Amino acid sequence: MPDFDMLVIGSGPGGQKAAIAAAKLGRRVAVVDSPDMVGGVSIHTGTIPSKTLREAVLYLTGLTQRDLYGQSYRLKEDITVADLTARTQHVVGREVDVIRSQLSRNHVSLFAGTGRFVDDHTVALREVTGQERLLTAEHVVIATGTRPARPDSVEFDGRTIMDSDNVLALERVPRSMVIVGAGVIGMEYASMFAALGSKITVVEKRAGLLDMCDVEIVESLRYHLRDLAVTFRFGETVAAVERHQNGTLTILESGKKIPADAVMYSAGRQGLTDGLDLHQAGLSADARGRIAVDEHYRTQVPHIYAVGDVIGFPALAATSMEQGRAAAYHACGEPVGRMHRLQPIGIYTIPEISFVGRTEDRLTEDRVPFEVGVSRYRELARGQIIGDSHGMLKLLVSPEDRTLLGVHCFGTGATELIHIGQTVMGCGGTVDYLVDAVFNYPTLAESYKVAALDATNKLRQIDRLGD
């Protein structure tokens, strides 16, 4: 008889939810993770610390209040790294305690150390003392997450040339920084450091940024960041990064040279599968360390599952949690529905971006007709109260059945607001529901009613001309 019904390697969002879901179903469950990484990358170097850092930046810089109190307004004049990390350390500590408590009260055994496969049912646990012990399980869930990908040609030192993990351990706020990569992580950190007053240059080999987002909203973000003195170098590739006594020099293939205090690479993520000895279990990973799974999150070995960032797109904490739960239910023979196709995307730039459904470009490519309804925060009482004159909400509405095809939001609370649109879309609601609904006043949620009225007025004009 195996030691456990389910053994989970990794305690991040996916692994944690898989373990708890199986424990709730009465299974004997264990989790293996390093003692300093309980909660996974999400808690220690990813989602939670970066979003907490963002809140600290917004609070200390007073950035969102400058429309009300003037462009020179600042809550604290000389913001240090200690000011920023104090809040982060507090939140991370509390979250680790919460996770340990959840695992404990659900009787999930937590083993401190790293795991590697001996065979498809056996994992060797290397404890912090260096000793090894064997753990056997009927089912295994791989939830090891990812690490930042590092180009071999760059000499990282973690202080002046760094990745997104190192940036949280900076000794001081840099006066200038080059960020290589205009993806989600790169743009989040670009906006944070720009708000702190750092002179930011973003280098991106593609022609634009955040190409999965609505074009108008991306343009709004670019305008806002340029207002914070962010420089964009699109269509450029880094040839070399030199470290000097007084800073760094980034040399582009076009010949441009960019001096800066620091360089941060945001060049994608690499699956943490190197030390798992996957071949011992009959498994393999691709060049990016990702493991292939089926619709039930089973690997090519049916009793071994993989969830979270280690399986690739969408690689979000929210989707990882649901993958973990679904994998555990399937392994335990419990009925589980498919994850809903409508998954919200949240990007914690300053201001936030969030969307659900299709973009205008995608609908145009698919030859799907649509009408647009827009609400701008500056026209809302709540927008004036909080001092957000940049925000906007956009609804894409089908003229045929008046359902919502996409919802796109930019501004304060965008990642919260998007769930209203997600719910209406998921329930098959129409724009008419939003027109007739009563929203608390003054709130940002009222933007849905304003945008819905804008869309229906346009649809009415089209109907009149058609008649």
Protein backbone atom coordinates (compact mmCIF):
# COMPACT_ATOMS: atom_id res chain seq x y z
CA MET A 1 0.00 0.00 0.00
CA PRO A 2 1.47 3.40 -0.96
CA ASP A 3 2.27 5.98 1.71
CA PHE A 4 -0.24 8.46 0.25
CA ASP A 5 -3.17 8.55 -2.12
CA MET A 6 -1.80 11.77 -3.62
CA LEU A 7 1.63 13.38 -3.49
CA VAL A 8 1.94 16.96 -4.69
CA ILE A 9 5.33 18.39 -5.68
CA GLY A 10 5.10 22.15 -5.15
CA SER A 11 2.92 24.24 -2.83
CA GLY A 12 2.04 27.15 -5.12
CA PRO A 13 -1.55 28.01 -6.12
CA GLY A 14 -2.04 24.87 -8.23
CA GLY A 15 -0.37 22.43 -5.84
CA GLN A 16 -2.02 23.87 -2.75
CA LYS A 17 -5.54 23.66 -4.24
CA ALA A 18 -4.92 20.14 -5.56
CA ALA A 19 -3.79 18.96 -2.13
CA ILE A 20 -6.68 20.54 -0.25
CA ALA A 21 -9.27 19.34 -2.79
CA ALA A 22 -8.03 15.73 -2.46
CA ALA A 23 -7.92 16.02 1.35
CA LYS A 24 -11.52 17.28 1.39
CA LEU A 25 -12.44 14.10 -0.49
CA GLY A 26 -10.95 12.02 2.32
CA ARG A 27 -7.66 11.10 0.64
CA ARG A 28 -4.26 10.83 2.32
CA VAL A 29 -2.28 13.73 0.87
CA ALA A 30 1.27 15.05 1.15
CA VAL A 31 2.99 18.13 -0.28
CA VAL A 32 6.72 18.46 -0.93
CA ASP A 33 8.37 21.88 -1.16
CA SER A 34 11.45 23.77 0.02
CA PRO A 35 10.99 25.19 3.52
CA ASP A 36 11.63 28.73 2.28
CA MET A 37 9.20 28.39 -0.64
CA VAL A 38 5.93 27.35 1.03
CA GLY A 39 3.29 28.97 -1.16
CA GLY A 40 5.51 28.73 -4.22
CA VAL A 41 6.86 31.37 -6.55
CA SER A 42 3.48 33.12 -6.45
CA ILE A 43 3.92 34.00 -2.76
CA HIS A 44 7.66 34.65 -2.64
CA THR A 45 8.81 36.25 -5.89
CA GLY A 46 5.80 36.53 -8.19
CA THR A 47 2.17 37.54 -7.88
CA ILE A 48 1.84 38.48 -4.21
CA PRO A 49 5.08 40.45 -3.62
CA SER A 50 4.90 42.28 -6.95
CA LYS A 51 1.28 43.32 -6.41
CA THR A 52 2.03 44.34 -2.82
CA LEU A 53 4.98 46.37 -4.08
CA ARG A 54 2.62 48.07 -6.53
CA GLU A 55 0.28 49.09 -3.69
CA ALA A 56 3.22 50.46 -1.71
CA VAL A 57 4.37 52.46 -4.74
CA LEU A 58 0.90 53.92 -5.30
CA TYR A 59 0.54 54.85 -1.64
CA LEU A 60 3.98 56.36 -1.04
CA THR A 61 4.24 58.26 -4.33
CA GLY A 62 0.70 59.63 -4.14
CA LEU A 63 0.57 59.13 -7.90
CA THR A 64 -3.18 58.62 -8.11
CA GLN A 65 -3.86 61.81 -6.13
CA ARG A 66 -1.86 64.21 -8.31
CA ASP A 67 -4.84 65.23 -10.43
CA LEU A 68 -6.38 66.54 -7.21
CA TYR A 69 -3.36 67.92 -5.34
CA GLY A 70 -0.93 68.84 -8.13
CA GLN A 71 1.85 67.07 -10.00
CA SER A 72 4.38 67.71 -7.23
CA TYR A 73 2.27 65.87 -4.62
CA ARG A 74 4.13 63.00 -2.93
CA LEU A 75 3.34 61.31 0.38
CA LYS A 76 7.03 60.60 1.08
CA GLU A 77 9.80 62.53 -0.63
CA ASP A 78 12.70 60.08 -0.34
CA ILE A 79 11.27 56.59 -0.85
CA THR A 80 13.71 53.82 0.04
CA VAL A 81 13.66 50.12 -0.76
CA ALA A 82 13.03 49.50 2.95
CA ASP A 83 9.83 51.56 2.70
CA LEU A 84 8.66 49.41 -0.20
CA THR A 85 9.66 45.99 1.14
CA ALA A 86 8.26 46.45 4.66
CA ARG A 87 4.73 46.00 3.35
CA THR A 88 5.78 43.15 1.06
CA GLN A 89 7.48 41.19 3.84
CA HIS A 90 4.44 41.61 6.08
CA VAL A 91 2.00 40.33 3.44
CA VAL A 92 4.22 37.43 2.35
CA GLY A 93 4.67 36.33 5.97
CA ARG A 94 0.94 36.39 6.61
CA GLU A 95 0.18 34.47 3.40
CA VAL A 96 2.70 31.74 4.25
CA ASP A 97 1.03 31.37 7.67
CA VAL A 98 -2.39 31.10 6.02
CA ILE A 99 -1.20 28.36 3.64
CA ARG A 100 0.50 26.37 6.41
CA SER A 101 -2.69 26.63 8.47
CA GLN A 102 -4.89 25.48 5.57
CA LEU A 103 -2.70 22.44 4.89
CA SER A 104 -2.51 21.58 8.59
CA ARG A 105 -6.23 21.76 9.35
CA ASN A 106 -6.97 19.64 6.28
CA HIS A 107 -4.47 17.04 7.55
CA VAL A 108 -2.14 17.44 4.58
CA SER A 109 1.42 16.36 5.41
CA LEU A 110 3.99 19.02 4.45
CA PHE A 111 7.51 17.75 3.79
CA ALA A 112 10.35 20.29 3.72
CA GLY A 113 12.79 19.57 0.92
CA THR A 114 12.96 18.85 -2.80
CA GLY A 115 11.57 15.88 -4.67
CA ARG A 116 12.73 13.80 -7.64
CA PHE A 117 11.19 10.75 -9.27
CA VAL A 118 12.63 7.31 -8.59
CA ASP A 119 9.84 5.65 -10.56
CA ASP A 120 6.31 6.61 -11.57
CA HIS A 121 4.91 5.99 -8.06
CA THR A 122 7.94 6.92 -5.95
CA VAL A 123 9.49 10.29 -5.14
CA ALA A 124 12.80 10.69 -3.32
CA LEU A 125 12.57 13.53 -0.81
CA ARG A 126 15.87 15.29 -0.13
CA GLU A 127 15.47 17.03 3.21
CA VAL A 128 17.28 20.21 4.24
CA THR A 129 19.73 18.04 6.23
CA GLY A 130 20.78 16.32 3.01
CA GLN A 131 19.20 13.02 3.93
CA GLU A 132 16.87 11.27 1.49
CA ARG A 133 13.71 9.29 2.13
CA LEU A 134 11.31 7.62 -0.29
CA LEU A 135 7.63 8.56 -0.52
CA THR A 136 5.19 6.46 -2.52
CA ALA A 137 1.80 7.56 -3.84
CA GLU A 138 -1.03 6.29 -6.01
CA HIS A 139 -1.23 9.65 -7.80
CA VAL A 140 1.38 12.39 -8.18
CA VAL A 141 0.71 16.04 -9.09
CA ILE A 142 3.59 18.11 -10.47
CA ALA A 143 3.09 21.78 -9.56
CA THR A 144 6.66 23.08 -9.49
CA GLY A 145 6.01 26.36 -11.30
CA THR A 146 8.59 28.33 -13.26
CA ARG A 147 11.59 30.62 -12.92
CA PRO A 148 12.58 33.61 -15.08
CA ALA A 149 14.30 32.58 -18.32
CA ARG A 150 17.87 33.91 -18.54
CA PRO A 151 19.76 34.35 -21.84
CA ASP A 152 23.10 32.52 -21.69
CA SER A 153 24.91 35.52 -23.16
CA VAL A 154 24.06 37.79 -20.21
CA GLU A 155 26.03 37.77 -16.94
CA PHE A 156 23.43 38.25 -14.21
CA ASP A 157 24.66 39.48 -10.83
CA GLY A 158 21.27 39.99 -9.16
CA ARG A 159 22.06 43.64 -8.33
CA THR A 160 22.71 45.63 -11.49
CA ILE A 161 21.77 43.00 -14.09
CA MET A 162 18.78 41.05 -12.83
CA ASP A 163 15.60 39.17 -13.59
CA SER A 164 12.12 39.71 -12.14
CA ASP A 165 12.95 37.57 -9.10
CA ASN A 166 16.00 39.67 -8.14
CA VAL A 167 14.24 43.00 -8.55
CA LEU A 168 12.52 42.55 -5.18
CA ALA A 169 15.94 42.45 -3.48
CA LEU A 170 17.27 45.75 -4.87
CA GLU A 171 19.45 47.72 -2.46
CA ARG A 172 18.10 51.08 -3.64
CA VAL A 173 15.63 52.53 -6.10
CA PRO A 174 17.61 52.99 -9.36
CA ARG A 175 17.66 56.42 -10.96
CA SER A 176 17.47 54.74 -14.36
CA MET A 177 16.68 51.23 -15.59
CA VAL A 178 16.51 49.32 -18.86
CA ILE A 179 13.75 46.70 -18.98
CA VAL A 180 14.21 44.08 -21.68
CA GLY A 181 10.82 42.70 -22.70
CA ALA A 182 7.45 44.46 -22.93
CA GLY A 183 5.35 41.54 -21.75
CA VAL A 184 3.08 41.52 -18.71
CA ILE A 185 5.85 41.33 -16.07
CA GLY A 186 8.06 43.85 -17.87
CA MET A 187 5.27 46.41 -18.19
CA GLU A 188 4.16 45.96 -14.57
CA TYR A 189 7.65 46.72 -13.27
CA ALA A 190 8.18 49.49 -15.84
CA SER A 191 5.11 51.33 -14.56
CA MET A 192 6.07 50.81 -10.89
CA PHE A 193 9.60 52.14 -11.21
CA ALA A 194 8.46 54.98 -13.47
CA ALA A 195 6.00 56.00 -10.74
CA LEU A 196 8.92 56.02 -8.28
CA GLY A 197 10.73 58.48 -10.54
CA SER A 198 13.17 56.12 -12.26
CA LYS A 199 13.94 56.90 -15.89
CA ILE A 200 12.80 53.75 -17.68
CA THR A 201 13.70 52.50 -21.17
CA VAL A 202 11.78 49.46 -22.43
CA VAL A 203 13.45 47.41 -25.17
CA GLU A 204 11.19 45.02 -27.09
CA LYS A 205 11.98 43.08 -30.28
CA ARG A 206 8.33 43.01 -31.31
CA ALA A 207 6.54 45.97 -32.88
CA GLY A 208 4.35 46.67 -29.83
CA LEU A 209 3.41 45.64 -26.33
CA LEU A 210 0.70 43.46 -24.79
CA ASP A 211 -0.63 42.31 -28.16
CA MET A 212 -3.37 40.23 -26.50
CA CYS A 213 -5.04 43.42 -25.22
CA ASP A 214 -7.42 45.87 -26.87
CA VAL A 215 -5.49 48.30 -29.10
CA GLU A 216 -7.16 51.42 -27.69
CA ILE A 217 -6.39 50.39 -24.12
CA VAL A 218 -2.76 49.62 -24.96
CA GLU A 219 -2.49 53.06 -26.55
CA SER A 220 -3.90 54.60 -23.37
CA LEU A 221 -1.27 52.77 -21.31
CA ARG A 222 1.54 53.88 -23.62
CA TYR A 223 0.37 57.48 -23.38
CA HIS A 224 0.21 57.28 -19.59
CA LEU A 225 3.68 55.70 -19.31
CA ARG A 226 5.21 58.22 -21.70
CA ASP A 227 3.77 60.88 -19.42
CA LEU A 228 5.89 59.27 -16.68
CA ALA A 229 8.98 59.62 -18.94
CA VAL A 230 9.11 55.96 -20.09
CA THR A 231 10.96 55.51 -23.40
CA PHE A 232 10.03 52.63 -25.70
CA ARG A 233 12.45 51.00 -28.16
CA PHE A 234 10.33 48.66 -30.29
CA GLY A 235 11.79 46.41 -32.98
CA GLU A 236 15.10 46.36 -31.12
CA THR A 237 17.19 43.43 -29.89
CA VAL A 238 19.83 43.54 -27.16
CA ALA A 239 23.28 42.58 -28.48
CA ALA A 240 25.14 42.87 -25.17
CA VAL A 241 24.94 44.23 -21.64
CA GLU A 242 28.12 45.60 -20.08
CA ARG A 243 28.59 46.10 -16.36
CA HIS A 244 30.68 49.10 -15.34
CA GLN A 245 31.68 50.61 -12.02
CA ASN A 246 29.06 53.35 -12.31
CA GLY A 247 26.27 51.30 -13.83
CA THR A 248 25.41 49.35 -16.98
CA LEU A 249 25.55 49.91 -20.72
CA THR A 250 22.98 48.12 -22.89
CA ILE A 251 24.07 47.81 -26.50
CA LEU A 252 21.38 47.15 -29.12
CA GLU A 253 21.92 45.38 -32.44
CA SER A 254 21.02 48.64 -34.18
CA GLY A 255 24.06 50.26 -32.55
CA LYS A 256 22.19 52.28 -29.93
CA LYS A 257 23.75 52.40 -26.46
CA ILE A 258 21.66 52.96 -23.34
CA PRO A 259 23.39 53.78 -20.04
CA ALA A 260 21.46 52.97 -16.85
CA ASP A 261 21.92 52.12 -13.18
CA ALA A 262 20.35 48.69 -13.71
CA VAL A 263 18.99 46.27 -16.31
CA MET A 264 16.06 43.93 -15.73
CA TYR A 265 15.33 41.03 -18.07
CA SER A 266 11.74 39.93 -18.51
CA ALA A 267 12.21 37.34 -21.23
CA GLY A 268 9.61 34.70 -20.42
CA ARG A 269 9.63 31.85 -17.91
CA GLN A 270 11.29 28.43 -17.71
CA GLY A 271 9.56 25.41 -16.15
CA LEU A 272 11.15 24.15 -12.92
CA THR A 273 11.55 20.55 -14.04
CA ASP A 274 15.34 20.20 -14.25
CA GLY A 275 15.76 18.41 -10.92
CA LEU A 276 12.70 16.16 -11.10
CA ASP A 277 14.35 13.29 -13.02
CA LEU A 278 11.21 13.07 -15.15
CA HIS A 279 12.65 10.27 -17.28
CA GLN A 280 12.56 7.95 -14.26
CA ALA A 281 8.76 8.27 -14.31
CA GLY A 282 8.50 7.94 -18.09
CA LEU A 283 7.99 11.69 -18.60
CA SER A 284 9.72 14.47 -20.49
CA ALA A 285 9.57 18.26 -20.79
CA ASP A 286 10.00 20.57 -23.78
CA ALA A 287 12.83 23.07 -24.28
CA ARG A 288 11.08 25.55 -21.97
CA GLY A 289 10.71 22.94 -19.22
CA ARG A 290 6.96 22.57 -19.77
CA ILE A 291 5.05 19.31 -19.41
CA ALA A 292 2.29 18.33 -21.85
CA VAL A 293 -1.09 17.36 -20.37
CA ASP A 294 -4.54 16.37 -21.63
CA GLU A 295 -7.87 18.06 -20.85
CA HIS A 296 -7.87 16.46 -17.38
CA TYR A 297 -4.28 17.64 -16.66
CA ARG A 298 -2.95 14.08 -16.97
CA THR A 299 0.56 13.64 -18.35
CA GLN A 300 1.49 10.79 -20.67
CA VAL A 301 1.64 8.66 -17.51
CA PRO A 302 -2.08 8.60 -16.56
CA HIS A 303 -1.69 8.64 -12.76
CA ILE A 304 0.73 11.61 -12.87
CA TYR A 305 -0.84 15.03 -13.30
CA ALA A 306 0.72 18.47 -13.90
CA VAL A 307 -0.88 21.85 -13.21
CA GLY A 308 -0.02 25.54 -13.10
CA ASP A 309 2.73 27.44 -14.86
CA VAL A 310 4.73 24.25 -15.51
CA ILE A 311 2.20 23.25 -18.20
CA GLY A 312 2.36 26.64 -19.97
CA PHE A 313 -0.38 29.04 -21.08
CA PRO A 314 -2.20 30.78 -19.49
CA ALA A 315 0.19 30.49 -16.51
CA LEU A 316 -1.90 32.59 -14.12
CA ALA A 317 -2.34 32.02 -10.39
CA ALA A 318 -6.13 32.05 -10.81
CA THR A 319 -6.20 29.41 -13.57
CA SER A 320 -3.55 27.33 -11.75
CA MET A 321 -5.83 27.08 -8.71
CA GLU A 322 -8.71 25.77 -10.80
CA GLN A 323 -6.41 23.34 -12.65
CA GLY A 324 -5.21 21.95 -9.31
CA ARG A 325 -8.76 21.40 -8.08
CA ALA A 326 -9.85 19.81 -11.36
CA ALA A 327 -6.82 17.48 -11.44
CA ALA A 328 -7.46 16.32 -7.87
CA TYR A 329 -11.15 15.68 -8.55
CA HIS A 330 -10.34 13.68 -11.66
CA ALA A 331 -7.67 11.64 -9.85
CA CYS A 332 -10.18 10.86 -7.09
CA GLY A 333 -12.95 9.88 -9.50
CA GLU A 334 -15.04 12.90 -8.54
CA PRO A 335 -17.18 14.59 -11.25
CA VAL A 336 -15.75 17.93 -12.32
CA GLY A 337 -16.91 20.38 -14.96
CA ARG A 338 -14.65 21.87 -17.60
CA MET A 339 -13.05 25.20 -16.77
CA HIS A 340 -15.23 27.95 -18.26
CA ARG A 341 -13.86 29.34 -21.50
CA LEU A 342 -14.37 32.89 -20.20
CA GLN A 343 -11.27 33.55 -18.14
CA PRO A 344 -10.47 37.13 -17.10
CA ILE A 345 -6.98 38.47 -17.67
CA GLY A 346 -5.60 40.99 -15.16
CA ILE A 347 -2.45 43.05 -15.78
CA TYR A 348 -1.27 45.09 -12.79
CA THR A 349 0.33 47.98 -14.60
CA ILE A 350 -0.31 51.51 -13.36
CA PRO A 351 -3.19 51.94 -14.20
CA GLU A 352 -4.52 48.36 -14.26
CA ILE A 353 -5.71 46.55 -17.38
CA SER A 354 -8.23 43.74 -17.37
CA PHE A 355 -10.38 42.08 -20.01
CA VAL A 356 -12.56 39.09 -20.76
CA GLY A 357 -13.73 37.83 -24.14
CA ARG A 358 -12.53 38.92 -27.56
CA THR A 359 -10.90 42.16 -28.71
CA GLU A 360 -12.03 44.38 -31.59
CA ASP A 361 -9.19 43.06 -33.77
CA ARG A 362 -10.08 39.44 -33.03
CA LEU A 363 -13.76 40.00 -33.80
CA THR A 364 -12.83 41.73 -37.05
CA GLU A 365 -10.58 38.82 -38.03
CA ASP A 366 -13.41 36.39 -37.22
CA ARG A 367 -15.83 38.53 -39.27
CA VAL A 368 -18.14 38.98 -36.30
CA PRO A 369 -20.10 42.27 -36.32
CA PHE A 370 -20.07 44.29 -33.10
CA GLU A 371 -20.94 47.68 -31.65
CA VAL A 372 -18.86 49.51 -29.05
CA GLY A 373 -20.07 51.16 -25.86
CA VAL A 374 -17.57 53.25 -23.87
CA SER A 375 -17.60 54.85 -20.44
CA ARG A 376 -14.78 57.10 -19.22
CA TYR A 377 -13.94 57.50 -15.55
CA ARG A 378 -13.65 61.28 -15.88
CA GLU A 379 -17.39 61.37 -16.65
CA LEU A 380 -18.26 59.38 -13.50
CA ALA A 381 -18.71 61.00 -10.10
CA ARG A 382 -16.61 58.24 -8.54
CA GLY A 383 -13.84 58.86 -11.05
CA GLN A 384 -13.71 62.51 -9.99
CA ILE A 385 -13.74 61.57 -6.30
CA ILE A 386 -10.74 59.23 -6.60
CA GLY A 387 -8.90 61.44 -9.08
CA ASP A 388 -8.74 58.96 -11.98
CA SER A 389 -9.22 60.83 -15.24
CA HIS A 390 -7.56 58.18 -17.42
CA GLY A 391 -9.77 55.13 -16.80
CA MET A 392 -12.26 53.69 -19.24
CA LEU A 393 -14.57 50.71 -19.74
CA LYS A 394 -15.38 49.32 -23.16
CA LEU A 395 -18.19 46.88 -24.03
CA LEU A 396 -18.25 45.01 -27.35
CA VAL A 397 -21.86 44.09 -28.12
CA SER A 398 -23.37 41.80 -30.75
CA PRO A 399 -25.97 43.71 -32.84
CA GLU A 400 -27.67 40.41 -33.63
CA ASP A 401 -28.56 39.08 -30.16
CA ARG A 402 -27.24 41.98 -28.00
CA THR A 403 -24.95 39.69 -25.96
CA LEU A 404 -21.54 40.86 -24.77
CA LEU A 405 -18.64 39.69 -26.92
CA GLY A 406 -15.89 41.31 -24.89
CA VAL A 407 -15.31 43.63 -21.95
CA HIS A 408 -12.13 45.70 -21.64
CA CYS A 409 -11.20 47.94 -18.72
CA PHE A 410 -8.32 50.34 -18.02
CA GLY A 411 -7.94 52.23 -14.78
CA THR A 412 -8.40 52.00 -11.03
CA GLY A 413 -10.00 48.72 -9.94
CA ALA A 414 -10.06 47.27 -13.47
CA THR A 415 -9.21 43.76 -12.23
CA GLU A 416 -12.17 43.90 -9.84
CA LEU A 417 -14.65 45.55 -12.22
CA ILE A 418 -14.09 42.98 -14.97
CA HIS A 419 -15.91 40.29 -13.00
CA ILE A 420 -19.26 42.05 -13.53
CA GLY A 421 -18.84 41.70 -17.29
CA GLN A 422 -17.51 38.16 -16.90
CA THR A 423 -20.61 37.14 -14.95
CA VAL A 424 -23.04 38.71 -17.43
CA MET A 425 -21.24 37.02 -20.34
CA GLY A 426 -21.03 33.67 -18.53
CA CYS A 427 -24.76 33.70 -17.84
CA GLY A 428 -25.60 34.65 -21.42
CA GLY A 429 -26.89 38.09 -20.42
CA THR A 430 -27.40 40.96 -22.82
CA VAL A 431 -26.50 44.61 -22.86
CA ASP A 432 -30.13 45.30 -21.97
CA TYR A 433 -29.60 43.79 -18.52
CA LEU A 434 -26.89 46.38 -17.84
CA VAL A 435 -29.11 49.19 -19.14
CA ASP A 436 -31.95 48.20 -16.79
CA ALA A 437 -29.77 47.34 -13.78
CA VAL A 438 -29.35 49.74 -10.84
CA PHE A 439 -25.78 50.23 -9.63
CA ASN A 440 -24.69 51.86 -6.40
CA TYR A 441 -23.88 55.55 -6.83
CA PRO A 442 -21.25 56.89 -6.88
CA THR A 443 -19.22 53.83 -7.94
CA LEU A 444 -16.96 52.78 -10.79
CA ALA A 445 -19.39 49.90 -11.44
CA GLU A 446 -21.76 52.53 -12.81
CA SER A 447 -19.46 52.59 -15.85
CA TYR A 448 -21.23 49.42 -17.04
CA LYS A 449 -24.57 51.23 -17.25
CA VAL A 450 -23.02 54.25 -19.01
CA ALA A 451 -21.21 52.04 -21.55
CA ALA A 452 -24.33 49.92 -22.07
CA LEU A 453 -26.42 53.02 -22.78
CA ASP A 454 -23.76 54.23 -25.23
CA ALA A 455 -23.86 50.90 -27.09
CA THR A 456 -27.66 50.64 -27.19
CA ASN A 457 -28.00 54.22 -28.46
CA LYS A 458 -25.71 53.32 -31.37
CA LEU A 459 -27.65 50.14 -32.05
CA ARG A 460 -30.89 52.13 -32.04
CA GLN A 461 -29.54 54.50 -34.70
CA ILE A 462 -28.54 51.54 -36.88
CA ASP A 463 -32.05 50.04 -36.49
CA ARG A 464 -33.67 53.34 -37.45
CA LEU A 465 -31.61 53.60 -40.63
CA GLY A 466 -32.39 49.96 -41.39
CA ASP A 467 -36.11 50.67 -41.12
